[in-house]
Amino acid sequence: MPGIVVVGSQWGDEGKGKATDQIGDRIDYCVRYSGGNNAGHTIVVNGEKFALHLLPSGLLNPGVRPVIGNGVVVDLDVLFTEIDALRARGVDCSGLLVSANAHVITSYHQTIDKVTERFLGKARIGTTGRGIGPAYGDKINRIGIRIQDLFDESILAKKVEAALDQKNHLLVKVYNRRAVDPAEVTEHLLGHAERIKPHVADTARLLNVELDAGKVVLFEGAQAHHLDVDHGTYPYVTSSNPVAAGACVGAGVGPTRIDRVIGIAKAYTTRVGEGPMPTELLDADGDRLREAGAEFGTTTGRKRRCGWFDALVVEHAHKINAFTDIFLTKLDILTGWEKIPVCVAYDVDGVRHDTMPMTQTEFHHAKPVYEFLDGWEEDISECRTFGDLPAATQAYVKRLEELVGCRVSGIGVGPGRGEVVMINDLLG
């Protein structure tokens, strides 16, 4: 049975949770392998909306065991707030497993994140200020705090003190902020130890044992390909590897464990935060897409920048992640446009590019070259087969397949769990 990775193909917010939810009744484990609570998945079940930030979206399917892998950075305050809110709505979270090797976001990570972003001014990255980048920075610098450290008070105190030794100098002497008390941080973290302990496990070993036993494991990436710290539109990226290959490192499984890679693509393009976005619309059409698609961040509430579908962005993600399938979301939002532009190339200082440019400078200067496809007026929310869709809608989907080079196997035609057109089995 397969190991499946779900990856965003644009800049996040593509609707990965909806795709995961479609196959949730056929999987055994749903694993978050990267990112932190700077990401969010919105899922609608029986008309009820759930916004998840740290917990894997497979949690909403009975029988699926949720796992937070070693590649995730965990804000324990946020985690328990999210668990409590879900329990109050009748969602069972008792089966959650958290890797002992996952790193912890502390209060000083959040402080550093916010003051650094302010200090950068116009050169800011557009972070959420939740401490994600500084936590990953400490991880790489080998001064991070891991979940397992909460169970050894002496070790924890020494690690917190070591991490703050340099940071307090920075806060006081550069940013003119007060120093952080290591004892206060340690005490706060220890306060979570008893509650988190029953959930902590060697998740990497567990997942490999379960894959050996034929269980179906879905690896759920946060953010998206073009926010990947190595392969995204650097420096306007996240601090981890949400690409499909990141599942191997962030969950602790070998590459031969991965059988399918499902790329999630919105039928248009959105982005939150700073950075280039060639098809961005700064006009009434952009406002119309934002309002129709409710394009406001699940976690941040920030307005998303909106634009037409950028085939070069998704094609590039396909090449790097080797998608087996694409799940196209929010196609219903495009209903009502007479003509729908699709970006098929870039003009960079008079030179046509049919694939994403190699350099940051070229991408910043890229202007979209559009192909105009016929729109449709029909309500497609009741469609359940590809043949049910209007001819113009079918033509739009087929053209995107041609441009990206990957088959579209599922289409979201509304926010609800059942508002989907399935063309091919996502599990193969």
Protein backbone atom coordinates (compact mmCIF):
# COMPACT_ATOMS: atom_id res chain seq x y z
CA MET A 1 0.00 0.00 0.00
CA PRO A 2 1.24 3.50 -0.79
CA GLY A 3 3.03 6.30 0.92
CA ILE A 4 1.50 9.49 -0.49
CA VAL A 5 2.77 13.07 -0.33
CA VAL A 6 0.46 16.06 -0.75
CA VAL A 7 2.31 19.21 -1.87
CA GLY A 8 1.18 22.72 -2.69
CA SER A 9 2.34 23.73 -6.17
CA GLN A 10 2.11 27.51 -5.83
CA TRP A 11 2.70 29.74 -2.78
CA GLY A 12 0.43 27.98 -0.34
CA ASP A 13 -3.29 28.27 0.43
CA GLU A 14 -4.13 25.96 -2.48
CA GLY A 15 -6.59 23.86 -0.48
CA LYS A 16 -4.34 20.95 0.49
CA GLY A 17 -6.64 20.10 3.37
CA LYS A 18 -9.54 19.51 1.00
CA ALA A 19 -7.50 17.09 -1.09
CA THR A 20 -6.32 15.24 2.00
CA ASP A 21 -9.88 15.05 3.25
CA GLN A 22 -11.02 13.39 0.01
CA ILE A 23 -8.93 10.29 0.65
CA GLY A 24 -9.00 10.46 4.43
CA ASP A 25 -11.28 7.45 4.79
CA ARG A 26 -8.71 5.30 2.99
CA ILE A 27 -5.57 6.23 4.91
CA ASP A 28 -4.24 5.08 8.27
CA TYR A 29 -1.84 7.88 9.18
CA CYS A 30 -1.70 11.57 8.26
CA VAL A 31 1.70 13.13 8.90
CA ARG A 32 2.74 16.80 9.01
CA TYR A 33 6.40 16.85 8.02
CA SER A 34 7.39 20.54 7.83
CA GLY A 35 6.53 24.04 8.93
CA GLY A 36 4.76 25.23 12.05
CA ASN A 37 1.67 27.19 12.97
CA ASN A 38 2.42 29.72 10.24
CA ALA A 39 0.38 27.49 7.95
CA GLY A 40 -3.30 26.66 8.00
CA HIS A 41 -5.73 24.24 6.42
CA THR A 42 -9.43 25.02 6.16
CA ILE A 43 -11.81 22.08 5.74
CA VAL A 44 -15.61 22.12 5.55
CA VAL A 45 -17.34 18.98 6.85
CA ASN A 46 -21.15 18.80 6.75
CA GLY A 47 -21.32 22.57 6.44
CA GLU A 48 -19.04 23.06 9.45
CA LYS A 49 -15.72 24.85 8.94
CA PHE A 50 -12.56 23.68 10.67
CA ALA A 51 -9.33 25.69 10.62
CA LEU A 52 -6.26 23.62 11.47
CA HIS A 53 -2.83 25.15 12.05
CA LEU A 54 -0.53 22.49 13.49
CA LEU A 55 -2.65 19.37 13.50
CA PRO A 56 -2.74 17.24 10.32
CA SER A 57 -6.02 17.64 8.45
CA GLY A 58 -6.56 13.86 8.33
CA LEU A 59 -7.54 14.21 11.98
CA LEU A 60 -11.11 14.95 10.88
CA ASN A 61 -11.48 11.46 9.40
CA PRO A 62 -12.35 8.81 12.01
CA GLY A 63 -9.74 6.06 12.14
CA VAL A 64 -6.87 8.21 10.84
CA ARG A 65 -4.00 8.65 13.29
CA PRO A 66 -2.46 12.15 13.13
CA VAL A 67 1.31 12.54 13.44
CA ILE A 68 3.50 15.63 13.85
CA GLY A 69 6.88 14.67 12.43
CA ASN A 70 10.40 15.62 13.42
CA GLY A 71 10.57 18.25 10.67
CA VAL A 72 7.87 20.41 12.27
CA VAL A 73 8.55 23.21 14.77
CA VAL A 74 5.92 23.12 17.51
CA ASP A 75 4.47 25.97 19.53
CA LEU A 76 3.03 24.00 22.45
CA ASP A 77 0.69 26.82 23.50
CA VAL A 78 -0.83 26.86 20.02
CA LEU A 79 -0.97 23.06 19.85
CA PHE A 80 -2.94 22.68 23.06
CA THR A 81 -5.23 25.61 22.26
CA GLU A 82 -6.02 23.94 18.94
CA ILE A 83 -6.61 20.55 20.59
CA ASP A 84 -8.90 22.07 23.21
CA ALA A 85 -10.94 23.93 20.59
CA LEU A 86 -11.40 20.77 18.52
CA ARG A 87 -12.32 18.66 21.54
CA ALA A 88 -14.98 21.23 22.43
CA ARG A 89 -16.48 20.55 19.01
CA GLY A 90 -16.43 16.78 19.48
CA VAL A 91 -13.22 15.96 17.59
CA ASP A 92 -11.13 13.22 19.21
CA CYS A 93 -7.46 14.23 19.41
CA SER A 94 -6.30 11.51 21.80
CA GLY A 95 -4.51 9.55 19.06
CA LEU A 96 -2.12 12.39 18.17
CA LEU A 97 1.55 11.43 18.05
CA VAL A 98 4.39 13.96 18.18
CA SER A 99 8.00 13.18 17.30
CA ALA A 100 10.39 13.37 20.22
CA ASN A 101 12.84 15.01 17.80
CA ALA A 102 10.51 17.86 16.74
CA HIS A 103 11.81 21.29 17.78
CA VAL A 104 9.92 23.65 20.06
CA ILE A 105 9.08 27.28 19.33
CA THR A 106 9.70 29.40 22.43
CA SER A 107 8.69 32.92 23.39
CA TYR A 108 12.14 34.24 22.52
CA HIS A 109 11.82 32.87 18.97
CA GLN A 110 8.65 34.92 18.54
CA THR A 111 10.31 38.02 19.96
CA ILE A 112 13.32 37.70 17.66
CA ASP A 113 11.04 37.10 14.67
CA LYS A 114 9.01 40.25 15.26
CA VAL A 115 11.83 42.67 16.06
CA THR A 116 13.94 41.41 13.16
CA GLU A 117 11.10 41.90 10.69
CA ARG A 118 10.54 45.44 11.93
CA PHE A 119 14.26 46.17 11.73
CA LEU A 120 14.35 45.09 8.06
CA GLY A 121 11.80 47.77 7.11
CA LYS A 122 11.15 47.76 3.36
CA ALA A 123 13.41 44.72 2.97
CA ARG A 124 11.13 42.63 5.21
CA ILE A 125 10.36 39.05 4.21
CA GLY A 126 6.71 39.10 5.28
CA THR A 127 6.90 36.49 8.03
CA THR A 128 3.93 35.74 10.27
CA GLY A 129 5.92 36.68 13.38
CA ARG A 130 5.24 33.33 14.99
CA GLY A 131 8.88 32.41 15.58
CA ILE A 132 9.13 29.81 12.84
CA GLY A 133 12.33 31.06 11.20
CA PRO A 134 14.25 31.66 14.44
CA ALA A 135 13.27 28.19 15.70
CA TYR A 136 14.60 26.59 12.52
CA GLY A 137 17.68 28.81 12.78
CA ASP A 138 18.40 27.45 16.25
CA LYS A 139 17.86 23.93 14.95
CA ILE A 140 20.50 24.41 12.26
CA ASN A 141 22.83 26.16 14.72
CA ARG A 142 22.44 23.16 17.06
CA ILE A 143 21.08 25.22 19.95
CA GLY A 144 17.43 24.25 19.49
CA ILE A 145 15.05 22.85 22.09
CA ARG A 146 13.43 19.52 21.21
CA ILE A 147 10.25 17.96 22.56
CA GLN A 148 12.29 15.29 24.35
CA ASP A 149 14.19 17.99 26.28
CA LEU A 150 11.05 18.81 28.24
CA PHE A 151 11.45 15.55 30.15
CA ASP A 152 14.89 16.40 31.56
CA GLU A 153 14.75 19.63 33.57
CA SER A 154 18.51 19.94 33.93
CA ILE A 155 19.18 19.50 30.21
CA LEU A 156 16.34 21.88 29.31
CA ALA A 157 17.60 24.65 31.60
CA LYS A 158 21.12 24.40 30.19
CA LYS A 159 19.88 24.46 26.59
CA VAL A 160 17.62 27.46 27.14
CA GLU A 161 20.44 29.36 28.84
CA ALA A 162 22.85 28.56 26.01
CA ALA A 163 20.31 29.62 23.37
CA LEU A 164 19.69 32.95 25.13
CA ASP A 165 23.34 33.79 25.79
CA GLN A 166 23.81 35.46 22.40
CA LYS A 167 20.18 36.39 21.79
CA ASN A 168 19.96 38.58 24.90
CA HIS A 169 22.97 40.59 23.74
CA LEU A 170 21.23 41.05 20.40
CA LEU A 171 17.92 42.06 21.96
CA VAL A 172 19.45 44.56 24.38
CA LYS A 173 22.30 46.06 22.37
CA VAL A 174 20.87 46.03 18.84
CA TYR A 175 17.09 46.08 19.20
CA ASN A 176 16.88 47.99 22.50
CA ARG A 177 14.62 45.36 24.07
CA ARG A 178 14.82 43.86 27.53
CA ALA A 179 16.65 40.57 28.04
CA VAL A 180 14.68 37.33 28.28
CA ASP A 181 14.89 35.45 31.58
CA PRO A 182 16.04 31.84 30.90
CA ALA A 183 14.38 30.61 34.11
CA GLU A 184 10.98 31.95 33.01
CA VAL A 185 11.25 30.25 29.62
CA THR A 186 12.31 26.97 31.20
CA GLU A 187 9.46 27.06 33.71
CA HIS A 188 6.92 27.76 30.97
CA LEU A 189 8.14 24.87 28.82
CA LEU A 190 8.21 22.47 31.78
CA GLY A 191 4.57 23.36 32.37
CA HIS A 192 3.71 21.53 29.13
CA ALA A 193 5.75 18.40 29.82
CA GLU A 194 3.12 16.33 31.60
CA ARG A 195 0.43 17.01 29.02
CA ILE A 196 2.56 16.39 25.92
CA LYS A 197 4.31 13.26 27.23
CA PRO A 198 1.54 10.71 26.38
CA HIS A 199 1.65 11.89 22.75
CA VAL A 200 5.42 11.70 22.26
CA ALA A 201 6.87 8.81 20.28
CA ASP A 202 9.66 7.68 17.98
CA THR A 203 7.41 8.51 15.06
CA ALA A 204 10.00 7.80 12.36
CA ARG A 205 10.39 4.19 13.47
CA LEU A 206 6.65 3.79 13.96
CA LEU A 207 5.83 5.01 10.44
CA ASN A 208 8.38 2.69 8.86
CA VAL A 209 7.00 -0.29 10.81
CA GLU A 210 3.47 0.58 9.74
CA LEU A 211 4.48 1.00 6.09
CA ASP A 212 6.09 -2.44 6.29
CA ALA A 213 2.77 -3.74 7.57
CA GLY A 214 0.94 -2.36 4.52
CA LYS A 215 -0.64 0.68 6.15
CA VAL A 216 -1.42 3.77 4.05
CA VAL A 217 0.49 6.87 5.18
CA LEU A 218 -0.24 10.34 3.83
CA PHE A 219 2.48 12.96 4.27
CA GLU A 220 0.97 16.42 4.35
CA GLY A 221 3.16 19.37 3.52
CA ALA A 222 2.55 22.85 4.88
CA GLN A 223 3.06 25.94 2.72
CA ALA A 224 4.05 24.99 -0.84
CA HIS A 225 6.82 24.35 -3.35
CA HIS A 226 7.54 28.01 -4.11
CA LEU A 227 7.94 28.76 -0.40
CA ASP A 228 10.57 26.03 -0.01
CA VAL A 229 13.80 27.43 1.46
CA ASP A 230 15.89 25.72 -1.27
CA HIS A 231 13.58 25.61 -4.28
CA GLY A 232 11.21 28.53 -3.73
CA THR A 233 11.36 32.22 -4.61
CA TYR A 234 14.19 32.92 -2.17
CA PRO A 235 14.45 34.93 0.07
CA TYR A 236 10.66 35.28 0.22
CA VAL A 237 10.21 31.73 1.45
CA THR A 238 9.56 29.74 4.59
CA SER A 239 12.33 28.20 6.69
CA SER A 240 11.74 24.53 5.88
CA ASN A 241 11.36 22.11 2.96
CA PRO A 242 7.68 21.63 2.07
CA VAL A 243 8.64 19.95 -1.24
CA ALA A 244 7.85 16.25 -1.61
CA ALA A 245 11.44 15.26 -0.85
CA GLY A 246 11.08 17.06 2.48
CA ALA A 247 8.69 14.34 3.62
CA CYS A 248 11.58 11.90 3.76
CA VAL A 249 13.65 14.10 6.08
CA GLY A 250 10.73 15.63 8.00
CA ALA A 251 9.05 12.32 8.76
CA GLY A 252 12.04 9.98 8.77
CA VAL A 253 11.22 7.68 5.84
CA GLY A 254 13.33 6.68 2.86
CA PRO A 255 12.55 7.90 -0.67
CA THR A 256 11.51 4.41 -1.79
CA ARG A 257 8.59 4.70 0.64
CA ILE A 258 6.91 7.35 -1.50
CA ASP A 259 4.57 5.94 -4.15
CA ARG A 260 2.50 8.95 -5.16
CA VAL A 261 2.93 12.73 -5.08
CA ILE A 262 -0.24 14.80 -5.39
CA GLY A 263 0.29 18.43 -6.37
CA ILE A 264 -2.40 20.83 -5.25
CA ALA A 265 -3.05 23.79 -7.54
CA LYS A 266 -5.62 26.53 -7.19
CA ALA A 267 -7.46 27.33 -10.44
CA TYR A 268 -5.97 30.81 -10.14
CA THR A 269 -2.97 32.05 -8.11
CA THR A 270 -2.66 33.56 -4.64
CA ARG A 271 0.21 34.55 -2.40
CA VAL A 272 0.55 35.96 1.13
CA GLY A 273 3.50 38.10 2.16
CA GLU A 274 6.27 39.71 0.15
CA GLY A 275 7.97 38.50 -3.02
CA PRO A 276 7.42 38.45 -6.78
CA MET A 277 4.15 37.21 -8.27
CA PRO A 278 4.01 37.85 -12.03
CA THR A 279 0.25 37.39 -12.50
CA GLU A 280 -0.81 39.49 -9.50
CA LEU A 281 -3.88 41.64 -10.20
CA LEU A 282 -3.94 45.06 -8.58
CA ASP A 283 -7.34 45.95 -10.00
CA ALA A 284 -11.03 45.13 -9.76
CA ASP A 285 -10.46 41.58 -11.09
CA GLY A 286 -8.03 40.94 -8.24
CA ASP A 287 -10.57 42.22 -5.73
CA ARG A 288 -13.27 40.09 -7.33
CA LEU A 289 -11.15 36.93 -7.05
CA ARG A 290 -10.31 37.73 -3.43
CA GLU A 291 -13.92 38.26 -2.41
CA ALA A 292 -15.33 35.33 -4.39
CA GLY A 293 -12.65 32.98 -3.13
CA ALA A 294 -12.62 34.33 0.45
CA GLU A 295 -8.87 34.79 0.06
CA PHE A 296 -7.85 35.65 3.57
CA GLY A 297 -5.22 33.65 5.46
CA THR A 298 -6.49 30.77 7.61
CA THR A 299 -3.81 31.42 10.21
CA THR A 300 -3.02 35.12 9.75
CA GLY A 301 -6.25 36.59 8.40
CA ARG A 302 -4.12 38.60 5.97
CA LYS A 303 -5.49 39.46 2.53
CA ARG A 304 -4.04 37.16 -0.10
CA ARG A 305 -2.63 38.66 -3.27
CA CYS A 306 -4.64 37.28 -6.19
CA GLY A 307 -3.90 36.70 -9.87
CA TRP A 308 -4.53 34.44 -12.83
CA PHE A 309 -3.24 30.88 -13.10
CA ASP A 310 0.51 30.85 -13.70
CA ALA A 311 1.32 27.68 -15.63
CA LEU A 312 5.09 28.23 -15.36
CA VAL A 313 4.94 28.25 -11.57
CA VAL A 314 2.99 24.99 -11.41
CA GLU A 315 5.01 23.32 -14.20
CA HIS A 316 8.22 24.10 -12.30
CA ALA A 317 6.77 22.55 -9.13
CA HIS A 318 5.77 19.47 -11.12
CA LYS A 319 9.31 19.04 -12.43
CA ILE A 320 10.92 19.26 -8.99
CA ASN A 321 8.33 17.23 -7.09
CA ALA A 322 7.48 14.70 -9.83
CA PHE A 323 3.73 14.93 -9.36
CA THR A 324 1.76 11.82 -10.26
CA ASP A 325 -1.51 13.78 -10.08
CA ILE A 326 -2.81 17.31 -9.71
CA PHE A 327 -5.80 18.20 -7.59
CA LEU A 328 -7.25 21.48 -8.91
CA THR A 329 -9.11 23.52 -6.32
CA LYS A 330 -11.60 26.41 -6.37
CA LEU A 331 -12.49 26.04 -10.03
CA ASP A 332 -16.00 27.27 -9.17
CA ILE A 333 -14.59 30.71 -8.29
CA LEU A 334 -13.85 31.35 -11.98
CA THR A 335 -17.51 31.02 -12.97
CA GLY A 336 -18.82 34.19 -14.58
CA TRP A 337 -15.76 35.49 -16.43
CA GLU A 338 -16.23 35.86 -20.17
CA LYS A 339 -12.52 35.23 -20.82
CA ILE A 340 -10.03 33.70 -18.38
CA PRO A 341 -6.36 34.58 -18.88
CA VAL A 342 -3.73 31.90 -18.24
CA CYS A 343 -0.03 32.78 -18.04
CA VAL A 344 1.82 30.61 -20.57
CA ALA A 345 5.19 32.44 -20.69
CA TYR A 346 7.08 35.42 -19.29
CA ASP A 347 8.54 38.45 -20.98
CA VAL A 348 11.79 39.34 -19.21
CA ASP A 349 13.26 42.55 -20.63
CA GLY A 350 12.06 41.64 -24.13
CA VAL A 351 13.11 37.97 -23.96
CA ARG A 352 10.41 35.28 -23.88
CA HIS A 353 10.75 32.59 -21.20
CA ASP A 354 8.66 29.43 -21.52
CA THR A 355 9.85 28.10 -18.15
CA MET A 356 10.61 29.84 -14.87
CA PRO A 357 13.79 31.96 -15.11
CA MET A 358 16.84 30.73 -13.24
CA THR A 359 17.71 33.90 -11.33
CA GLN A 360 15.91 35.98 -8.73
CA THR A 361 16.53 39.13 -10.78
CA GLU A 362 14.90 37.69 -13.91
CA PHE A 363 11.88 36.47 -11.99
CA HIS A 364 11.42 39.89 -10.39
CA HIS A 365 11.32 41.42 -13.88
CA ALA A 366 9.02 38.77 -15.38
CA LYS A 367 5.84 40.02 -17.03
CA PRO A 368 3.12 37.48 -17.86
CA VAL A 369 2.30 36.46 -21.42
CA TYR A 370 -1.35 35.46 -21.42
CA GLU A 371 -3.47 33.04 -23.40
CA PHE A 372 -7.18 33.80 -23.14
CA LEU A 373 -9.56 30.88 -22.66
CA ASP A 374 -13.35 30.93 -22.87
CA GLY A 375 -15.14 31.29 -19.56
CA TRP A 376 -18.48 29.82 -18.46
CA GLU A 377 -21.62 31.06 -16.73
CA GLU A 378 -23.02 27.75 -15.47
CA ASP A 379 -22.99 26.84 -11.76
CA ILE A 380 -20.58 23.89 -11.51
CA SER A 381 -20.97 23.17 -7.77
CA GLU A 382 -23.33 20.25 -8.43
CA CYS A 383 -21.05 18.58 -10.98
CA ARG A 384 -19.60 15.25 -9.87
CA THR A 385 -18.06 13.84 -13.06
CA PHE A 386 -15.84 15.49 -15.63
CA GLY A 387 -18.56 15.08 -18.22
CA ASP A 388 -20.95 17.10 -16.03
CA LEU A 389 -18.76 20.19 -16.41
CA PRO A 390 -19.57 22.73 -19.15
CA ALA A 391 -17.51 22.36 -22.32
CA ALA A 392 -15.57 25.57 -21.65
CA THR A 393 -14.72 24.37 -18.13
CA GLN A 394 -13.48 21.06 -19.48
CA ALA A 395 -11.36 22.90 -22.05
CA TYR A 396 -9.85 25.07 -19.30
CA VAL A 397 -8.84 22.02 -17.26
CA LYS A 398 -7.41 20.20 -20.29
CA ARG A 399 -5.36 23.24 -21.27
CA LEU A 400 -3.89 23.46 -17.78
CA GLU A 401 -2.95 19.76 -18.02
CA GLU A 402 -1.14 20.43 -21.31
CA LEU A 403 0.74 23.42 -19.95
CA VAL A 404 1.78 21.79 -16.69
CA GLY A 405 2.47 18.33 -18.12
CA CYS A 406 0.54 16.40 -15.49
CA ARG A 407 -2.93 14.93 -15.37
CA VAL A 408 -5.65 16.55 -13.26
CA SER A 409 -7.22 13.79 -11.19
CA GLY A 410 -9.50 15.77 -8.92
CA ILE A 411 -11.28 19.14 -9.05
CA GLY A 412 -12.76 21.18 -6.24
CA VAL A 413 -16.06 22.76 -7.32
CA GLY A 414 -17.16 24.10 -3.93
CA PRO A 415 -16.02 24.35 -0.30
CA GLY A 416 -17.88 21.30 1.00
CA ARG A 417 -16.39 17.82 1.47
CA GLY A 418 -18.56 16.34 -1.29
CA GLU A 419 -18.22 19.21 -3.77
CA VAL A 420 -15.59 17.47 -5.85
CA VAL A 421 -15.18 16.03 -9.34
CA MET A 422 -12.97 12.94 -9.20
CA ILE A 423 -11.43 11.84 -12.51
CA ASN A 424 -8.73 9.39 -11.38
CA ASP A 425 -8.09 7.56 -8.13
CA LEU A 426 -5.58 9.63 -6.13
CA LEU A 427 -4.28 6.47 -4.48
CA GLY A 428 -3.55 4.92 -7.87
